[in-house]
Amino acid sequence: MSAVSSALLKYRPATPSDIPACVELRGKTRENAISAERLAEMGITVESWATDVRSGALPGYVCTDQEVIAGFCFGDKAAGEVVVLALLPPYEARGVGRHLLGLVVAHLQDLGHKRLFLGCSADPSTRSYGFYRHLGWVSTGTFDRAGDEVLELYPSERTTDKRSSSSST
């Protein structure tokens, strides 16, 4: 997987059967890796995550490279929170995270959310700090229970226009 060809990457809605691979991938990220054991301690198991995906409570998207999940992003349908964005290291800085995040943002916006939010490290030396801010996310000046800084985004109508311009109405 050292040579990543964007031509082989595919994006699609996540399914409950993707969740075991998502849990495994979560432990392999460059920054903020969380093992399956630690996720379970937090109350997040393959079963609970898959149930939330199946029910529609946690919509998400995956990026695959020859059927292997290279990254994923999920959002909370009820709250409008981007819950997680994770990539395997070889897929960083290739637009994969931006694309996955855009899909989830658009999905949550389509559900009627005007304001989206997420928790992010407040440490400027982390990749996520600059990534989200570069994409227009702004600090609320508050922190969540995990100690992450809460960022918010008010998606513009342009997001919807760009997404729908390729489909006929």
C-alpha atoms as a PDB file:
ATOM      1  CA  MET A   1       0.000   0.000   0.000  1.00  0.00           C
ATOM      2  CA  SER A   2       2.958   2.370  -0.255  1.00  0.00           C
ATOM      3  CA  ALA A   3       1.941   3.701  -3.672  1.00  0.00           C
ATOM      4  CA  VAL A   4      -1.566   5.107  -3.447  1.00  0.00           C
ATOM      5  CA  SER A   5      -3.332   5.728  -6.752  1.00  0.00           C
ATOM      6  CA  SER A   6      -6.342   8.007  -6.493  1.00  0.00           C
ATOM      7  CA  ALA A   7      -7.814   6.214  -9.517  1.00  0.00           C
ATOM      8  CA  LEU A   8      -8.373   3.134  -7.367  1.00  0.00           C
ATOM      9  CA  LEU A   9     -10.043   4.960  -4.494  1.00  0.00           C
ATOM     10  CA  LYS A  10     -13.787   4.651  -4.133  1.00  0.00           C
ATOM     11  CA  TYR A  11     -16.126   6.457  -1.741  1.00  0.00           C
ATOM     12  CA  ARG A  12     -19.416   4.994  -0.583  1.00  0.00           C
ATOM     13  CA  PRO A  13     -21.838   5.065   2.332  1.00  0.00           C
ATOM     14  CA  ALA A  14     -20.659   2.937   5.249  1.00  0.00           C
ATOM     15  CA  THR A  15     -22.524  -0.251   6.117  1.00  0.00           C
ATOM     16  CA  PRO A  16     -22.642  -2.217   9.369  1.00  0.00           C
ATOM     17  CA  SER A  17     -20.326  -4.826   7.803  1.00  0.00           C
ATOM     18  CA  ASP A  18     -17.615  -2.134   7.474  1.00  0.00           C
ATOM     19  CA  ILE A  19     -17.410  -1.520  11.208  1.00  0.00           C
ATOM     20  CA  PRO A  20     -14.926  -4.272  12.190  1.00  0.00           C
ATOM     21  CA  ALA A  21     -12.447  -2.809   9.671  1.00  0.00           C
ATOM     22  CA  CYS A  22     -13.192   0.725  10.927  1.00  0.00           C
ATOM     23  CA  VAL A  23     -12.443  -0.315  14.512  1.00  0.00           C
ATOM     24  CA  GLU A  24      -9.174  -1.907  13.386  1.00  0.00           C
ATOM     25  CA  LEU A  25      -8.223   1.147  11.311  1.00  0.00           C
ATOM     26  CA  ARG A  26      -8.951   3.465  14.269  1.00  0.00           C
ATOM     27  CA  GLY A  27      -6.033   1.877  16.091  1.00  0.00           C
ATOM     28  CA  LYS A  28      -3.662   2.427  13.148  1.00  0.00           C
ATOM     29  CA  THR A  29      -3.946   6.175  12.630  1.00  0.00           C
ATOM     30  CA  ARG A  30      -0.828   8.330  12.899  1.00  0.00           C
ATOM     31  CA  GLU A  31      -2.256  10.655  15.549  1.00  0.00           C
ATOM     32  CA  ASN A  32      -4.934   9.933  18.119  1.00  0.00           C
ATOM     33  CA  ALA A  33      -4.989   6.187  17.475  1.00  0.00           C
ATOM     34  CA  ILE A  34      -7.484   4.389  19.695  1.00  0.00           C
ATOM     35  CA  SER A  35      -7.326   0.615  20.088  1.00  0.00           C
ATOM     36  CA  ALA A  36     -10.388  -1.632  20.020  1.00  0.00           C
ATOM     37  CA  GLU A  37      -9.857  -2.246  23.730  1.00  0.00           C
ATOM     38  CA  ARG A  38      -9.833   1.470  24.531  1.00  0.00           C
ATOM     39  CA  LEU A  39     -12.895   2.036  22.346  1.00  0.00           C
ATOM     40  CA  ALA A  40     -14.687  -0.718  24.267  1.00  0.00           C
ATOM     41  CA  GLU A  41     -13.762   0.996  27.551  1.00  0.00           C
ATOM     42  CA  MET A  42     -15.435   4.102  26.108  1.00  0.00           C
ATOM     43  CA  GLY A  43     -18.567   2.053  25.330  1.00  0.00           C
ATOM     44  CA  ILE A  44     -17.862   1.802  21.597  1.00  0.00           C
ATOM     45  CA  THR A  45     -17.851  -1.772  20.322  1.00  0.00           C
ATOM     46  CA  VAL A  46     -18.207  -3.253  16.856  1.00  0.00           C
ATOM     47  CA  GLU A  47     -21.739  -4.230  17.835  1.00  0.00           C
ATOM     48  CA  SER A  48     -22.799  -0.831  19.199  1.00  0.00           C
ATOM     49  CA  TRP A  49     -21.241   1.055  16.287  1.00  0.00           C
ATOM     50  CA  ALA A  50     -22.788  -1.288  13.701  1.00  0.00           C
ATOM     51  CA  THR A  51     -26.182  -0.931  15.400  1.00  0.00           C
ATOM     52  CA  ASP A  52     -25.952   2.862  15.166  1.00  0.00           C
ATOM     53  CA  VAL A  53     -25.007   2.647  11.477  1.00  0.00           C
ATOM     54  CA  ARG A  54     -27.829   0.164  10.788  1.00  0.00           C
ATOM     55  CA  SER A  55     -30.409   2.385  12.521  1.00  0.00           C
ATOM     56  CA  GLY A  56     -29.253   5.491  10.660  1.00  0.00           C
ATOM     57  CA  ALA A  57     -28.227   7.257  13.876  1.00  0.00           C
ATOM     58  CA  LEU A  58     -24.575   7.341  12.768  1.00  0.00           C
ATOM     59  CA  PRO A  59     -24.358   7.896   9.021  1.00  0.00           C
ATOM     60  CA  GLY A  60     -20.919   7.708   7.510  1.00  0.00           C
ATOM     61  CA  TYR A  61     -18.776   7.145   4.473  1.00  0.00           C
ATOM     62  CA  VAL A  62     -15.759   4.985   3.765  1.00  0.00           C
ATOM     63  CA  CYS A  63     -12.976   5.282   1.241  1.00  0.00           C
ATOM     64  CA  THR A  64     -11.780   1.978  -0.153  1.00  0.00           C
ATOM     65  CA  ASP A  65      -8.653   1.094  -2.052  1.00  0.00           C
ATOM     66  CA  GLN A  66      -9.158  -2.211  -3.827  1.00  0.00           C
ATOM     67  CA  GLU A  67     -11.881  -3.147  -1.310  1.00  0.00           C
ATOM     68  CA  VAL A  68      -9.686  -2.304   1.729  1.00  0.00           C
ATOM     69  CA  ILE A  69     -10.985   0.546   3.890  1.00  0.00           C
ATOM     70  CA  ALA A  70      -8.415   3.347   3.795  1.00  0.00           C
ATOM     71  CA  GLY A  71     -10.436   5.903   5.752  1.00  0.00           C
ATOM     72  CA  PHE A  72     -13.840   6.752   7.143  1.00  0.00           C
ATOM     73  CA  CYS A  73     -15.925   9.562   8.560  1.00  0.00           C
ATOM     74  CA  PHE A  74     -19.135   9.367  10.616  1.00  0.00           C
ATOM     75  CA  GLY A  75     -21.582  11.926  11.942  1.00  0.00           C
ATOM     76  CA  ASP A  76     -24.308  11.962  14.565  1.00  0.00           C
ATOM     77  CA  LYS A  77     -27.657  12.325  12.764  1.00  0.00           C
ATOM     78  CA  ALA A  78     -29.482  13.842  15.746  1.00  0.00           C
ATOM     79  CA  ALA A  79     -26.828  16.256  17.001  1.00  0.00           C
ATOM     80  CA  GLY A  80     -25.057  17.342  13.810  1.00  0.00           C
ATOM     81  CA  GLU A  81     -21.693  16.315  15.222  1.00  0.00           C
ATOM     82  CA  VAL A  82     -18.882  14.955  13.078  1.00  0.00           C
ATOM     83  CA  VAL A  83     -17.952  12.120  15.409  1.00  0.00           C
ATOM     84  CA  VAL A  84     -14.834  10.706  13.782  1.00  0.00           C
ATOM     85  CA  LEU A  85     -12.597  11.060  10.738  1.00  0.00           C
ATOM     86  CA  ALA A  86      -9.770   8.535  10.462  1.00  0.00           C
ATOM     87  CA  LEU A  87      -7.303   7.548   7.744  1.00  0.00           C
ATOM     88  CA  LEU A  88      -4.518   5.060   7.383  1.00  0.00           C
ATOM     89  CA  PRO A  89      -1.215   7.010   7.201  1.00  0.00           C
ATOM     90  CA  PRO A  90      -0.488   6.296   3.487  1.00  0.00           C
ATOM     91  CA  TYR A  91      -3.732   8.117   2.586  1.00  0.00           C
ATOM     92  CA  GLU A  92      -2.975  11.339   4.463  1.00  0.00           C
ATOM     93  CA  ALA A  93      -2.358  14.539   2.481  1.00  0.00           C
ATOM     94  CA  ARG A  94      -4.056  13.103  -0.618  1.00  0.00           C
ATOM     95  CA  GLY A  95      -7.489  14.713  -0.264  1.00  0.00           C
ATOM     96  CA  VAL A  96      -9.107  11.578   1.163  1.00  0.00           C
ATOM     97  CA  GLY A  97      -9.915  13.096   4.552  1.00  0.00           C
ATOM     98  CA  ARG A  98     -11.226  16.285   2.990  1.00  0.00           C
ATOM     99  CA  HIS A  99     -13.479  14.285   0.661  1.00  0.00           C
ATOM    100  CA  LEU A 100     -14.823  12.026   3.425  1.00  0.00           C
ATOM    101  CA  LEU A 101     -15.473  15.018   5.675  1.00  0.00           C
ATOM    102  CA  GLY A 102     -17.247  16.794   2.820  1.00  0.00           C
ATOM    103  CA  LEU A 103     -19.542  13.823   2.294  1.00  0.00           C
ATOM    104  CA  VAL A 104     -20.531  13.730   5.965  1.00  0.00           C
ATOM    105  CA  VAL A 105     -20.947  17.507   6.155  1.00  0.00           C
ATOM    106  CA  ALA A 106     -23.226  17.410   3.091  1.00  0.00           C
ATOM    107  CA  HIS A 107     -25.208  14.489   4.542  1.00  0.00           C
ATOM    108  CA  LEU A 108     -25.748  16.242   7.870  1.00  0.00           C
ATOM    109  CA  GLN A 109     -26.657  19.435   6.051  1.00  0.00           C
ATOM    110  CA  ASP A 110     -29.212  17.506   3.975  1.00  0.00           C
ATOM    111  CA  LEU A 111     -30.732  16.314   7.259  1.00  0.00           C
ATOM    112  CA  GLY A 112     -31.408  19.955   8.131  1.00  0.00           C
ATOM    113  CA  HIS A 113     -28.454  20.832  10.344  1.00  0.00           C
ATOM    114  CA  LYS A 114     -27.426  24.466   9.939  1.00  0.00           C
ATOM    115  CA  ARG A 115     -24.589  24.231  12.454  1.00  0.00           C
ATOM    116  CA  LEU A 116     -22.183  21.301  12.661  1.00  0.00           C
ATOM    117  CA  PHE A 117     -19.594  20.680  15.335  1.00  0.00           C
ATOM    118  CA  LEU A 118     -16.734  18.365  16.253  1.00  0.00           C
ATOM    119  CA  GLY A 119     -14.104  17.871  18.923  1.00  0.00           C
ATOM    120  CA  CYS A 120     -10.490  18.465  17.910  1.00  0.00           C
ATOM    121  CA  SER A 121      -7.125  18.730  19.607  1.00  0.00           C
ATOM    122  CA  ALA A 122      -6.325  22.258  20.759  1.00  0.00           C
ATOM    123  CA  ASP A 123      -2.618  21.566  20.171  1.00  0.00           C
ATOM    124  CA  PRO A 124      -1.434  23.485  17.081  1.00  0.00           C
ATOM    125  CA  SER A 125       1.252  20.858  16.445  1.00  0.00           C
ATOM    126  CA  THR A 126      -1.340  18.193  15.550  1.00  0.00           C
ATOM    127  CA  ARG A 127      -2.433  17.656  11.960  1.00  0.00           C
ATOM    128  CA  SER A 128      -6.132  17.928  12.823  1.00  0.00           C
ATOM    129  CA  TYR A 129      -5.689  21.393  14.330  1.00  0.00           C
ATOM    130  CA  GLY A 130      -4.747  22.969  11.008  1.00  0.00           C
ATOM    131  CA  PHE A 131      -6.813  20.621   8.846  1.00  0.00           C
ATOM    132  CA  TYR A 132     -10.212  21.618  10.206  1.00  0.00           C
ATOM    133  CA  ARG A 133      -9.400  25.306  10.524  1.00  0.00           C
ATOM    134  CA  HIS A 134      -8.147  25.396   6.934  1.00  0.00           C
ATOM    135  CA  LEU A 135     -11.566  24.051   5.889  1.00  0.00           C
ATOM    136  CA  GLY A 136     -13.426  26.797   7.722  1.00  0.00           C
ATOM    137  CA  TRP A 137     -14.130  25.216  11.113  1.00  0.00           C
ATOM    138  CA  VAL A 138     -13.948  27.785  13.932  1.00  0.00           C
ATOM    139  CA  SER A 139     -13.300  27.355  17.646  1.00  0.00           C
ATOM    140  CA  THR A 140     -16.257  27.891  19.955  1.00  0.00           C
ATOM    141  CA  GLY A 141     -13.889  28.530  22.859  1.00  0.00           C
ATOM    142  CA  THR A 142     -15.312  25.492  24.654  1.00  0.00           C
ATOM    143  CA  PHE A 143     -14.054  21.976  25.307  1.00  0.00           C
ATOM    144  CA  ASP A 144     -15.872  18.646  25.375  1.00  0.00           C
ATOM    145  CA  ARG A 145     -15.720  15.941  28.065  1.00  0.00           C
ATOM    146  CA  ALA A 146     -12.652  14.388  26.430  1.00  0.00           C
ATOM    147  CA  GLY A 147     -10.807  17.708  26.654  1.00  0.00           C
ATOM    148  CA  ASP A 148     -10.997  18.380  22.922  1.00  0.00           C
ATOM    149  CA  GLU A 149     -11.698  21.848  21.648  1.00  0.00           C
ATOM    150  CA  VAL A 150     -15.157  22.186  20.089  1.00  0.00           C
ATOM    151  CA  LEU A 151     -15.096  23.577  16.559  1.00  0.00           C
ATOM    152  CA  GLU A 152     -18.162  24.553  14.563  1.00  0.00           C
ATOM    153  CA  LEU A 153     -19.066  25.044  10.939  1.00  0.00           C
ATOM    154  CA  TYR A 154     -22.055  26.726   9.365  1.00  0.00           C
ATOM    155  CA  PRO A 155     -22.140  25.046   5.943  1.00  0.00           C
ATOM    156  CA  SER A 156     -23.005  27.418   3.139  1.00  0.00           C
ATOM    157  CA  GLU A 157     -25.518  26.815   0.407  1.00  0.00           C
ATOM    158  CA  ARG A 158     -22.528  26.536  -1.948  1.00  0.00           C
ATOM    159  CA  THR A 159     -21.754  23.123  -0.419  1.00  0.00           C
ATOM    160  CA  THR A 160     -25.169  21.872  -1.517  1.00  0.00           C
ATOM    161  CA  ASP A 161     -24.857  23.536  -4.933  1.00  0.00           C
ATOM    162  CA  LYS A 162     -21.483  21.898  -5.637  1.00  0.00           C
ATOM    163  CA  ARG A 163     -22.720  18.474  -4.566  1.00  0.00           C
ATOM    164  CA  SER A 164     -25.958  18.569  -6.525  1.00  0.00           C
ATOM    165  CA  SER A 165     -24.564  20.164  -9.691  1.00  0.00           C
ATOM    166  CA  SER A 166     -23.460  16.764 -10.970  1.00  0.00           C
ATOM    167  CA  SER A 167     -26.899  15.191 -10.585  1.00  0.00           C
ATOM    168  CA  SER A 168     -30.020  16.086 -12.463  1.00  0.00           C
ATOM    169  CA  THR A 169     -32.954  17.515 -10.570  1.00  0.00           C
END
